[in-house]
PDB file of N, CA and C in Angstrom:
ATOM      1  N   UNK A   1      89.140 154.765  51.753  1.00  0.00           N
ATOM      2  CA  UNK A   1      88.868 154.927  50.334  1.00  0.00           C
ATOM      3  C   UNK A   1      87.473 154.376  50.015  1.00  0.00           C
ATOM      4  N   UNK A   2      86.740 155.104  49.197  1.00  0.00           N
ATOM      5  CA  UNK A   2      85.385 154.707  48.824  1.00  0.00           C
ATOM      6  C   UNK A   2      85.432 153.507  47.891  1.00  0.00           C
ATOM      7  N   UNK A   3      84.624 152.520  48.189  1.00  0.00           N
ATOM      8  CA  UNK A   3      84.499 151.341  47.335  1.00  0.00           C
ATOM      9  C   UNK A   3      83.431 151.618  46.278  1.00  0.00           C
ATOM     10  N   UNK A   4      83.545 150.993  45.088  1.00  0.00           N
ATOM     11  CA  UNK A   4      82.572 151.234  44.016  1.00  0.00           C
ATOM     12  C   UNK A   4      81.125 150.922  44.402  1.00  0.00           C
ATOM     13  N   UNK A   5      80.918 150.040  45.380  1.00  0.00           N
ATOM     14  CA  UNK A   5      79.548 149.710  45.788  1.00  0.00           C
ATOM     15  C   UNK A   5      79.112 150.513  47.019  1.00  0.00           C
ATOM     16  N   UNK A   6      79.848 151.568  47.355  1.00  0.00           N
ATOM     17  CA  UNK A   6      79.521 152.415  48.492  1.00  0.00           C
ATOM     18  C   UNK A   6      78.142 153.030  48.277  1.00  0.00           C
ATOM     19  N   UNK A   7      77.271 152.989  49.277  1.00  0.00           N
ATOM     20  CA  UNK A   7      75.920 153.555  49.120  1.00  0.00           C
ATOM     21  C   UNK A   7      75.914 155.044  48.799  1.00  0.00           C
ATOM     22  N   UNK A   8      77.013 155.756  49.085  1.00  0.00           N
ATOM     23  CA  UNK A   8      77.078 157.177  48.739  1.00  0.00           C
ATOM     24  C   UNK A   8      77.063 157.381  47.225  1.00  0.00           C
ATOM     25  N   UNK A   9      77.334 156.318  46.466  1.00  0.00           N
ATOM     26  CA  UNK A   9      77.333 156.425  45.008  1.00  0.00           C
ATOM     27  C   UNK A   9      75.951 156.164  44.415  1.00  0.00           C
ATOM     28  N   UNK A  10      74.988 155.783  45.232  1.00  0.00           N
ATOM     29  CA  UNK A  10      73.617 155.612  44.749  1.00  0.00           C
ATOM     30  C   UNK A  10      72.988 156.996  44.609  1.00  0.00           C
ATOM     31  N   UNK A  11      72.464 157.274  43.431  1.00  0.00           N
ATOM     32  CA  UNK A  11      71.788 158.550  43.189  1.00  0.00           C
ATOM     33  C   UNK A  11      72.665 159.755  43.516  1.00  0.00           C
ATOM     34  N   UNK A  12      73.863 159.778  42.965  1.00  0.00           N
ATOM     35  CA  UNK A  12      74.789 160.885  43.181  1.00  0.00           C
ATOM     36  C   UNK A  12      74.169 162.168  42.631  1.00  0.00           C
ATOM     37  N   UNK A  13      74.270 163.234  43.407  1.00  0.00           N
ATOM     38  CA  UNK A  13      73.733 164.533  43.032  1.00  0.00           C
ATOM     39  C   UNK A  13      74.876 165.546  43.040  1.00  0.00           C
ATOM     40  N   UNK A  14      74.707 166.655  42.324  1.00  0.00           N
ATOM     41  CA  UNK A  14      75.756 167.673  42.291  1.00  0.00           C
ATOM     42  C   UNK A  14      76.093 168.174  43.687  1.00  0.00           C
ATOM     43  N   UNK A  15      75.133 168.137  44.613  1.00  0.00           N
ATOM     44  CA  UNK A  15      75.422 168.601  45.976  1.00  0.00           C
ATOM     45  C   UNK A  15      76.348 167.643  46.715  1.00  0.00           C
ATOM     46  N   UNK A  16      76.510 166.410  46.216  1.00  0.00           N
ATOM     47  CA  UNK A  16      77.433 165.448  46.812  1.00  0.00           C
ATOM     48  C   UNK A  16      78.869 165.694  46.377  1.00  0.00           C
ATOM     49  N   UNK A  17      79.040 166.404  45.270  1.00  0.00           N
ATOM     50  CA  UNK A  17      80.355 166.595  44.655  1.00  0.00           C
ATOM     51  C   UNK A  17      81.019 167.849  45.188  1.00  0.00           C
ATOM     52  N   UNK A  18      82.286 167.716  45.537  1.00  0.00           N
ATOM     53  CA  UNK A  18      83.107 168.859  45.893  1.00  0.00           C
ATOM     54  C   UNK A  18      84.195 168.955  44.836  1.00  0.00           C
ATOM     55  N   UNK A  19      84.315 170.121  44.222  1.00  0.00           N
ATOM     56  CA  UNK A  19      85.374 170.370  43.249  1.00  0.00           C
ATOM     57  C   UNK A  19      86.467 171.160  43.960  1.00  0.00           C
ATOM     58  N   UNK A  20      87.660 170.585  44.021  1.00  0.00           N
ATOM     59  CA  UNK A  20      88.780 171.297  44.622  1.00  0.00           C
ATOM     60  C   UNK A  20      89.747 171.705  43.525  1.00  0.00           C
ATOM     61  N   UNK A  21      90.353 172.864  43.701  1.00  0.00           N
ATOM     62  CA  UNK A  21      91.293 173.377  42.704  1.00  0.00           C
ATOM     63  C   UNK A  21      92.474 172.441  42.539  1.00  0.00           C
ATOM     64  N   UNK A  22      92.903 172.310  41.299  1.00  0.00           N
ATOM     65  CA  UNK A  22      94.071 171.525  40.937  1.00  0.00           C
ATOM     66  C   UNK A  22      94.864 172.366  39.935  1.00  0.00           C
ATOM     67  N   UNK A  23      96.076 171.971  39.630  1.00  0.00           N
ATOM     68  CA  UNK A  23      96.909 172.756  38.710  1.00  0.00           C
ATOM     69  C   UNK A  23      96.249 172.977  37.359  1.00  0.00           C
ATOM     70  N   UNK A  24      95.556 171.976  36.831  1.00  0.00           N
ATOM     71  CA  UNK A  24      94.972 172.110  35.493  1.00  0.00           C
ATOM     72  C   UNK A  24      93.452 172.089  35.509  1.00  0.00           C
ATOM     73  N   UNK A  25      92.860 172.273  36.673  1.00  0.00           N
ATOM     74  CA  UNK A  25      91.410 172.258  36.758  1.00  0.00           C
ATOM     75  C   UNK A  25      90.936 171.956  38.159  1.00  0.00           C
ATOM     76  N   UNK A  26      90.177 170.861  38.264  1.00  0.00           N
ATOM     77  CA  UNK A  26      89.523 170.524  39.524  1.00  0.00           C
ATOM     78  C   UNK A  26      89.557 169.022  39.783  1.00  0.00           C
ATOM     79  N   UNK A  27      89.702 168.679  41.046  1.00  0.00           N
ATOM     80  CA  UNK A  27      89.535 167.292  41.476  1.00  0.00           C
ATOM     81  C   UNK A  27      88.064 167.082  41.790  1.00  0.00           C
ATOM     82  N   UNK A  28      87.553 165.902  41.477  1.00  0.00           N
ATOM     83  CA  UNK A  28      86.174 165.533  41.801  1.00  0.00           C
ATOM     84  C   UNK A  28      86.225 164.682  43.062  1.00  0.00           C
ATOM     85  N   UNK A  29      85.617 165.197  44.137  1.00  0.00           N
ATOM     86  CA  UNK A  29      85.606 164.488  45.411  1.00  0.00           C
ATOM     87  C   UNK A  29      84.178 164.222  45.852  1.00  0.00           C
ATOM     88  N   UNK A  30      83.978 163.056  46.430  1.00  0.00           N
ATOM     89  CA  UNK A  30      82.722 162.735  47.120  1.00  0.00           C
ATOM     90  C   UNK A  30      83.126 162.109  48.442  1.00  0.00           C
ATOM     91  N   UNK A  31      82.602 162.643  49.531  1.00  0.00           N
ATOM     92  CA  UNK A  31      82.950 162.125  50.844  1.00  0.00           C
ATOM     93  C   UNK A  31      84.435 162.162  51.127  1.00  0.00           C
ATOM     94  N   UNK A  32      85.140 163.131  50.532  1.00  0.00           N
ATOM     95  CA  UNK A  32      86.570 163.261  50.734  1.00  0.00           C
ATOM     96  C   UNK A  32      87.427 162.368  49.861  1.00  0.00           C
ATOM     97  N   UNK A  33      86.799 161.481  49.080  1.00  0.00           N
ATOM     98  CA  UNK A  33      87.538 160.568  48.204  1.00  0.00           C
ATOM     99  C   UNK A  33      87.629 161.120  46.790  1.00  0.00           C
ATOM    100  N   UNK A  34      88.799 160.958  46.175  1.00  0.00           N
ATOM    101  CA  UNK A  34      89.051 161.413  44.806  1.00  0.00           C
ATOM    102  C   UNK A  34      88.430 160.410  43.834  1.00  0.00           C
ATOM    103  N   UNK A  35      87.465 160.876  43.016  1.00  0.00           N
ATOM    104  CA  UNK A  35      86.797 159.995  42.063  1.00  0.00           C
ATOM    105  C   UNK A  35      87.108 160.350  40.619  1.00  0.00           C
ATOM    106  N   UNK A  36      87.762 161.476  40.389  1.00  0.00           N
ATOM    107  CA  UNK A  36      88.080 161.881  39.026  1.00  0.00           C
ATOM    108  C   UNK A  36      88.583 163.301  38.986  1.00  0.00           C
ATOM    109  N   UNK A  37      88.550 163.885  37.774  1.00  0.00           N
ATOM    110  CA  UNK A  37      89.062 165.243  37.608  1.00  0.00           C
ATOM    111  C   UNK A  37      88.424 165.913  36.399  1.00  0.00           C
ATOM    112  N   UNK A  38      88.425 167.225  36.440  1.00  0.00           N
ATOM    113  CA  UNK A  38      87.999 168.042  35.309  1.00  0.00           C
ATOM    114  C   UNK A  38      89.174 168.945  34.947  1.00  0.00           C
ATOM    115  N   UNK A  39      89.635 168.843  33.710  1.00  0.00           N
ATOM    116  CA  UNK A  39      90.638 169.777  33.209  1.00  0.00           C
ATOM    117  C   UNK A  39      89.886 170.949  32.613  1.00  0.00           C
ATOM    118  N   UNK A  40      90.282 172.143  32.977  1.00  0.00           N
ATOM    119  CA  UNK A  40      89.635 173.326  32.439  1.00  0.00           C
ATOM    120  C   UNK A  40      89.596 174.444  33.448  1.00  0.00           C
ATOM    121  N   UNK A  41      88.776 175.430  33.120  1.00  0.00           N
ATOM    122  CA  UNK A  41      88.569 176.582  33.988  1.00  0.00           C
ATOM    123  C   UNK A  41      87.095 176.952  33.882  1.00  0.00           C
ATOM    124  N   UNK A  42      86.601 177.805  34.769  1.00  0.00           N
ATOM    125  CA  UNK A  42      85.175 178.125  34.713  1.00  0.00           C
ATOM    126  C   UNK A  42      84.719 178.474  33.297  1.00  0.00           C
ATOM    127  N   UNK A  43      83.696 177.785  32.844  1.00  0.00           N
ATOM    128  CA  UNK A  43      83.146 178.012  31.513  1.00  0.00           C
ATOM    129  C   UNK A  43      83.781 177.177  30.416  1.00  0.00           C
ATOM    130  N   UNK A  44      84.870 176.480  30.713  1.00  0.00           N
ATOM    131  CA  UNK A  44      85.595 175.741  29.684  1.00  0.00           C
ATOM    132  C   UNK A  44      86.072 174.381  30.209  1.00  0.00           C
ATOM    133  N   UNK A  45      85.525 173.305  29.647  1.00  0.00           N
ATOM    134  CA  UNK A  45      85.960 171.959  29.996  1.00  0.00           C
ATOM    135  C   UNK A  45      86.842 171.431  28.878  1.00  0.00           C
ATOM    136  N   UNK A  46      88.049 171.043  29.230  1.00  0.00           N
ATOM    137  CA  UNK A  46      88.937 170.391  28.269  1.00  0.00           C
ATOM    138  C   UNK A  46      88.746 168.874  28.331  1.00  0.00           C
ATOM    139  N   UNK A  47      88.571 168.367  29.544  1.00  0.00           N
ATOM    140  CA  UNK A  47      88.459 166.920  29.727  1.00  0.00           C
ATOM    141  C   UNK A  47      87.813 166.642  31.081  1.00  0.00           C
ATOM    142  N   UNK A  48      86.920 165.674  31.127  1.00  0.00           N
ATOM    143  CA  UNK A  48      86.313 165.228  32.373  1.00  0.00           C
ATOM    144  C   UNK A  48      86.508 163.726  32.442  1.00  0.00           C
ATOM    145  N   UNK A  49      87.095 163.255  33.530  1.00  0.00           N
ATOM    146  CA  UNK A  49      87.335 161.819  33.675  1.00  0.00           C
ATOM    147  C   UNK A  49      86.917 161.372  35.069  1.00  0.00           C
ATOM    148  N   UNK A  50      86.247 160.221  35.100  1.00  0.00           N
ATOM    149  CA  UNK A  50      85.890 159.558  36.350  1.00  0.00           C
ATOM    150  C   UNK A  50      86.668 158.253  36.381  1.00  0.00           C
ATOM    151  N   UNK A  51      87.278 157.976  37.530  1.00  0.00           N
ATOM    152  CA  UNK A  51      88.034 156.726  37.664  1.00  0.00           C
ATOM    153  C   UNK A  51      87.132 155.546  37.282  1.00  0.00           C
ATOM    154  N   UNK A  52      87.675 154.566  36.542  1.00  0.00           N
ATOM    155  CA  UNK A  52      86.855 153.464  36.012  1.00  0.00           C
ATOM    156  C   UNK A  52      85.965 152.767  37.044  1.00  0.00           C
ATOM    157  N   UNK A  53      86.460 152.561  38.233  1.00  0.00           N
ATOM    158  CA  UNK A  53      85.665 151.831  39.229  1.00  0.00           C
ATOM    159  C   UNK A  53      84.456 152.624  39.727  1.00  0.00           C
ATOM    160  N   UNK A  54      84.404 153.935  39.436  1.00  0.00           N
ATOM    161  CA  UNK A  54      83.283 154.766  39.876  1.00  0.00           C
ATOM    162  C   UNK A  54      82.366 155.176  38.728  1.00  0.00           C
ATOM    163  N   UNK A  55      82.641 154.690  37.531  1.00  0.00           N
ATOM    164  CA  UNK A  55      81.808 155.031  36.383  1.00  0.00           C
ATOM    165  C   UNK A  55      80.460 154.318  36.485  1.00  0.00           C
ATOM    166  N   UNK A  56      79.489 154.865  35.758  1.00  0.00           N
ATOM    167  CA  UNK A  56      78.123 154.321  35.699  1.00  0.00           C
ATOM    168  C   UNK A  56      77.369 154.465  37.012  1.00  0.00           C
ATOM    169  N   UNK A  57      77.751 155.455  37.810  1.00  0.00           N
ATOM    170  CA  UNK A  57      77.052 155.746  39.061  1.00  0.00           C
ATOM    171  C   UNK A  57      76.501 157.167  39.093  1.00  0.00           C
ATOM    172  N   UNK A  58      76.607 157.891  37.990  1.00  0.00           N
ATOM    173  CA  UNK A  58      76.125 159.261  37.955  1.00  0.00           C
ATOM    174  C   UNK A  58      77.151 160.287  38.409  1.00  0.00           C
ATOM    175  N   UNK A  59      78.389 159.841  38.654  1.00  0.00           N
ATOM    176  CA  UNK A  59      79.421 160.759  39.123  1.00  0.00           C
ATOM    177  C   UNK A  59      79.733 161.812  38.064  1.00  0.00           C
ATOM    178  N   UNK A  60      79.887 161.410  36.808  1.00  0.00           N
ATOM    179  CA  UNK A  60      80.222 162.363  35.740  1.00  0.00           C
ATOM    180  C   UNK A  60      79.129 163.415  35.579  1.00  0.00           C
ATOM    181  N   UNK A  61      77.877 162.988  35.586  1.00  0.00           N
ATOM    182  CA  UNK A  61      76.757 163.939  35.453  1.00  0.00           C
ATOM    183  C   UNK A  61      76.733 164.902  36.639  1.00  0.00           C
ATOM    184  N   UNK A  62      76.888 164.379  37.844  1.00  0.00           N
ATOM    185  CA  UNK A  62      76.877 165.233  39.029  1.00  0.00           C
ATOM    186  C   UNK A  62      78.051 166.205  39.011  1.00  0.00           C
ATOM    187  N   UNK A  63      79.238 165.727  38.592  1.00  0.00           N
ATOM    188  CA  UNK A  63      80.412 166.598  38.519  1.00  0.00           C
ATOM    189  C   UNK A  63      80.218 167.679  37.463  1.00  0.00           C
ATOM    190  N   UNK A  64      79.643 167.311  36.324  1.00  0.00           N
ATOM    191  CA  UNK A  64      79.367 168.288  35.272  1.00  0.00           C
ATOM    192  C   UNK A  64      78.440 169.378  35.805  1.00  0.00           C
ATOM    193  N   UNK A  65      77.386 168.998  36.497  1.00  0.00           N
ATOM    194  CA  UNK A  65      76.445 169.986  37.028  1.00  0.00           C
ATOM    195  C   UNK A  65      77.071 170.834  38.123  1.00  0.00           C
ATOM    196  N   UNK A  66      77.939 170.252  38.942  1.00  0.00           N
ATOM    197  CA  UNK A  66      78.670 171.040  39.942  1.00  0.00           C
ATOM    198  C   UNK A  66      79.590 172.040  39.247  1.00  0.00           C
ATOM    199  N   UNK A  67      80.225 171.606  38.139  1.00  0.00           N
ATOM    200  CA  UNK A  67      81.097 172.494  37.370  1.00  0.00           C
ATOM    201  C   UNK A  67      80.284 173.624  36.736  1.00  0.00           C
ATOM    202  N   UNK A  68      79.111 173.320  36.199  1.00  0.00           N
ATOM    203  CA  UNK A  68      78.250 174.353  35.618  1.00  0.00           C
ATOM    204  C   UNK A  68      77.875 175.378  36.691  1.00  0.00           C
ATOM    205  N   UNK A  69      77.488 174.901  37.865  1.00  0.00           N
ATOM    206  CA  UNK A  69      77.111 175.794  38.963  1.00  0.00           C
ATOM    207  C   UNK A  69      78.296 176.684  39.343  1.00  0.00           C
ATOM    208  N   UNK A  70      79.469 176.084  39.477  1.00  0.00           N
ATOM    209  CA  UNK A  70      80.661 176.865  39.841  1.00  0.00           C
ATOM    210  C   UNK A  70      80.984 177.889  38.755  1.00  0.00           C
ATOM    211  N   UNK A  71      80.869 177.484  37.490  1.00  0.00           N
ATOM    212  CA  UNK A  71      81.132 178.408  36.382  1.00  0.00           C
ATOM    213  C   UNK A  71      80.190 179.598  36.439  1.00  0.00           C
ATOM    214  N   UNK A  72      78.913 179.331  36.697  1.00  0.00           N
ATOM    215  CA  UNK A  72      77.915 180.403  36.798  1.00  0.00           C
ATOM    216  C   UNK A  72      78.272 181.347  37.952  1.00  0.00           C
ATOM    217  N   UNK A  73      78.639 180.787  39.107  1.00  0.00           N
ATOM    218  CA  UNK A  73      78.996 181.607  40.266  1.00  0.00           C
ATOM    219  C   UNK A  73      80.235 182.457  40.002  1.00  0.00           C
ATOM    220  N   UNK A  74      81.113 181.993  39.120  1.00  0.00           N
ATOM    221  CA  UNK A  74      82.335 182.735  38.802  1.00  0.00           C
ATOM    222  C   UNK A  74      82.155 183.645  37.587  1.00  0.00           C
ATOM    223  N   UNK A  75      80.902 183.809  37.126  1.00  0.00           N
ATOM    224  CA  UNK A  75      80.598 184.801  36.106  1.00  0.00           C
ATOM    225  C   UNK A  75      80.549 184.318  34.668  1.00  0.00           C
ATOM    226  N   UNK A  76      80.715 183.030  34.428  1.00  0.00           N
ATOM    227  CA  UNK A  76      80.643 182.521  33.053  1.00  0.00           C
ATOM    228  C   UNK A  76      79.191 182.536  32.574  1.00  0.00           C
ATOM    229  N   UNK A  77      78.990 182.818  31.291  1.00  0.00           N
ATOM    230  CA  UNK A  77      77.637 182.830  30.727  1.00  0.00           C
ATOM    231  C   UNK A  77      77.355 181.568  29.905  1.00  0.00           C
ATOM    232  N   UNK A  78      78.401 180.782  29.678  1.00  0.00           N
ATOM    233  CA  UNK A  78      78.234 179.518  28.977  1.00  0.00           C
ATOM    234  C   UNK A  78      79.344 178.566  29.400  1.00  0.00           C
ATOM    235  N   UNK A  79      79.115 177.283  29.135  1.00  0.00           N
ATOM    236  CA  UNK A  79      80.140 176.262  29.341  1.00  0.00           C
ATOM    237  C   UNK A  79      80.360 175.601  27.995  1.00  0.00           C
ATOM    238  N   UNK A  80      81.631 175.485  27.609  1.00  0.00           N
ATOM    239  CA  UNK A  80      81.966 174.872  26.328  1.00  0.00           C
ATOM    240  C   UNK A  80      82.980 173.745  26.530  1.00  0.00           C
ATOM    241  N   UNK A  81      82.991 172.847  25.548  1.00  0.00           N
ATOM    242  CA  UNK A  81      84.061 171.863  25.430  1.00  0.00           C
ATOM    243  C   UNK A  81      84.724 172.140  24.090  1.00  0.00           C
ATOM    244  N   UNK A  82      86.005 171.853  23.985  1.00  0.00           N
ATOM    245  CA  UNK A  82      86.745 172.148  22.752  1.00  0.00           C
ATOM    246  C   UNK A  82      87.212 170.907  22.033  1.00  0.00           C
ATOM    247  N   UNK A  83      86.707 169.768  22.389  1.00  0.00           N
ATOM    248  CA  UNK A  83      87.255 168.573  21.779  1.00  0.00           C
ATOM    249  C   UNK A  83      86.189 167.512  21.594  1.00  0.00           C
ATOM    250  N   UNK A  84      86.582 166.455  20.964  1.00  0.00           N
ATOM    251  CA  UNK A  84      85.693 165.310  20.787  1.00  0.00           C
ATOM    252  C   UNK A  84      85.582 164.619  22.136  1.00  0.00           C
ATOM    253  N   UNK A  85      84.390 164.287  22.512  1.00  0.00           N
ATOM    254  CA  UNK A  85      84.094 163.701  23.813  1.00  0.00           C
ATOM    255  C   UNK A  85      83.696 162.240  23.625  1.00  0.00           C
ATOM    256  N   UNK A  86      84.028 161.424  24.590  1.00  0.00           N
ATOM    257  CA  UNK A  86      83.625 160.020  24.589  1.00  0.00           C
ATOM    258  C   UNK A  86      82.108 159.923  24.432  1.00  0.00           C
ATOM    259  N   UNK A  87      81.632 158.900  23.739  1.00  0.00           N
ATOM    260  CA  UNK A  87      80.196 158.795  23.439  1.00  0.00           C
ATOM    261  C   UNK A  87      79.323 158.784  24.694  1.00  0.00           C
ATOM    262  N   UNK A  88      79.792 158.185  25.774  1.00  0.00           N
ATOM    263  CA  UNK A  88      79.006 158.187  27.017  1.00  0.00           C
ATOM    264  C   UNK A  88      78.874 159.611  27.547  1.00  0.00           C
ATOM    265  N   UNK A  89      79.922 160.400  27.418  1.00  0.00           N
ATOM    266  CA  UNK A  89      79.865 161.784  27.873  1.00  0.00           C
ATOM    267  C   UNK A  89      78.993 162.612  26.938  1.00  0.00           C
ATOM    268  N   UNK A  90      79.005 162.298  25.639  1.00  0.00           N
ATOM    269  CA  UNK A  90      78.125 163.001  24.706  1.00  0.00           C
ATOM    270  C   UNK A  90      76.672 162.842  25.130  1.00  0.00           C
ATOM    271  N   UNK A  91      76.303 161.637  25.552  1.00  0.00           N
ATOM    272  CA  UNK A  91      74.931 161.390  26.007  1.00  0.00           C
ATOM    273  C   UNK A  91      74.603 162.282  27.205  1.00  0.00           C
ATOM    274  N   UNK A  92      75.536 162.390  28.141  1.00  0.00           N
ATOM    275  CA  UNK A  92      75.319 163.244  29.309  1.00  0.00           C
ATOM    276  C   UNK A  92      75.179 164.700  28.874  1.00  0.00           C
ATOM    277  N   UNK A  93      76.066 165.157  28.003  1.00  0.00           N
ATOM    278  CA  UNK A  93      75.996 166.548  27.539  1.00  0.00           C
ATOM    279  C   UNK A  93      74.652 166.832  26.874  1.00  0.00           C
ATOM    280  N   UNK A  94      74.214 165.932  26.004  1.00  0.00           N
ATOM    281  CA  UNK A  94      72.923 166.124  25.316  1.00  0.00           C
ATOM    282  C   UNK A  94      71.775 166.199  26.309  1.00  0.00           C
ATOM    283  N   UNK A  95      71.739 165.288  27.267  1.00  0.00           N
ATOM    284  CA  UNK A  95      70.622 165.258  28.212  1.00  0.00           C
ATOM    285  C   UNK A  95      70.683 166.387  29.231  1.00  0.00           C
ATOM    286  N   UNK A  96      71.843 167.046  29.350  1.00  0.00           N
ATOM    287  CA  UNK A  96      71.974 168.195  30.251  1.00  0.00           C
ATOM    288  C   UNK A  96      71.832 169.520  29.510  1.00  0.00           C
ATOM    289  N   UNK A  97      71.389 169.469  28.246  1.00  0.00           N
ATOM    290  CA  UNK A  97      71.072 170.684  27.520  1.00  0.00           C
ATOM    291  C   UNK A  97      72.192 171.294  26.695  1.00  0.00           C
ATOM    292  N   UNK A  98      73.292 170.583  26.541  1.00  0.00           N
ATOM    293  CA  UNK A  98      74.366 171.075  25.683  1.00  0.00           C
ATOM    294  C   UNK A  98      73.997 170.830  24.226  1.00  0.00           C
ATOM    295  N   UNK A  99      74.549 171.653  23.348  1.00  0.00           N
ATOM    296  CA  UNK A  99      74.358 171.493  21.910  1.00  0.00           C
ATOM    297  C   UNK A  99      75.724 171.423  21.244  1.00  0.00           C
ATOM    298  N   UNK A 100      75.785 170.701  20.122  1.00  0.00           N
ATOM    299  CA  UNK A 100      77.039 170.658  19.372  1.00  0.00           C
ATOM    300  C   UNK A 100      77.341 172.053  18.853  1.00  0.00           C
ATOM    301  N   UNK A 101      78.596 172.454  18.977  1.00  0.00           N
ATOM    302  CA  UNK A 101      79.016 173.767  18.497  1.00  0.00           C
ATOM    303  C   UNK A 101      79.024 173.763  16.975  1.00  0.00           C
ATOM    304  N   UNK A 102      78.593 174.852  16.401  1.00  0.00           N
ATOM    305  CA  UNK A 102      78.590 174.960  14.937  1.00  0.00           C
ATOM    306  C   UNK A 102      79.863 175.620  14.426  1.00  0.00           C
ATOM    307  N   UNK A 103      80.558 176.341  15.300  1.00  0.00           N
ATOM    308  CA  UNK A 103      81.755 177.068  14.888  1.00  0.00           C
ATOM    309  C   UNK A 103      83.041 176.252  15.041  1.00  0.00           C
ATOM    310  N   UNK A 104      83.014 175.242  15.898  1.00  0.00           N
ATOM    311  CA  UNK A 104      84.200 174.431  16.192  1.00  0.00           C
ATOM    312  C   UNK A 104      83.752 173.041  16.642  1.00  0.00           C
ATOM    313  N   UNK A 105      84.742 172.188  16.877  1.00  0.00           N
ATOM    314  CA  UNK A 105      84.448 170.886  17.469  1.00  0.00           C
ATOM    315  C   UNK A 105      84.133 171.109  18.929  1.00  0.00           C
ATOM    316  N   UNK A 106      83.146 170.422  19.444  1.00  0.00           N
ATOM    317  CA  UNK A 106      82.831 170.520  20.859  1.00  0.00           C
ATOM    318  C   UNK A 106      81.356 170.793  21.109  1.00  0.00           C
ATOM    319  N   UNK A 107      81.053 171.153  22.335  1.00  0.00           N
ATOM    320  CA  UNK A 107      79.686 171.361  22.813  1.00  0.00           C
ATOM    321  C   UNK A 107      79.594 172.679  23.545  1.00  0.00           C
ATOM    322  N   UNK A 108      78.381 173.216  23.666  1.00  0.00           N
ATOM    323  CA  UNK A 108      78.168 174.471  24.369  1.00  0.00           C
ATOM    324  C   UNK A 108      76.815 174.461  25.058  1.00  0.00           C
ATOM    325  N   UNK A 109      76.764 175.138  26.216  1.00  0.00           N
ATOM    326  CA  UNK A 109      75.496 175.335  26.932  1.00  0.00           C
ATOM    327  C   UNK A 109      75.519 176.725  27.547  1.00  0.00           C
ATOM    328  N   UNK A 110      74.482 177.491  27.266  1.00  0.00           N
ATOM    329  CA  UNK A 110      74.337 178.789  27.916  1.00  0.00           C
ATOM    330  C   UNK A 110      73.884 178.542  29.341  1.00  0.00           C
ATOM    331  N   UNK A 111      74.498 179.275  30.253  1.00  0.00           N
ATOM    332  CA  UNK A 111      74.118 179.136  31.666  1.00  0.00           C
ATOM    333  C   UNK A 111      73.692 180.481  32.159  1.00  0.00           C
TER     334      UNK A 111
END
């Protein structure tokens, strides 16, 4: 099991993240270890969570970008969220080019 101070968590990049299919979305794996999950389907994020011990290492940002890449490869033209997001995740969404949706609660990014 990966420890929170594992050097693989330094400068995490989307290429480090493997998203594996799960019943309600995707598991977030790095080096074969489960670090979190994304609920949703290509183009639609319901919830993204990183296990507490792995937070603040760039895992969420890398997983989001891996999800965007996968969504694009599966034919999605945008990625949306449908709910209120934790403030730390809002910061990531803003810096990754997402905008607040004007039609509903949530965020959107054209890909």
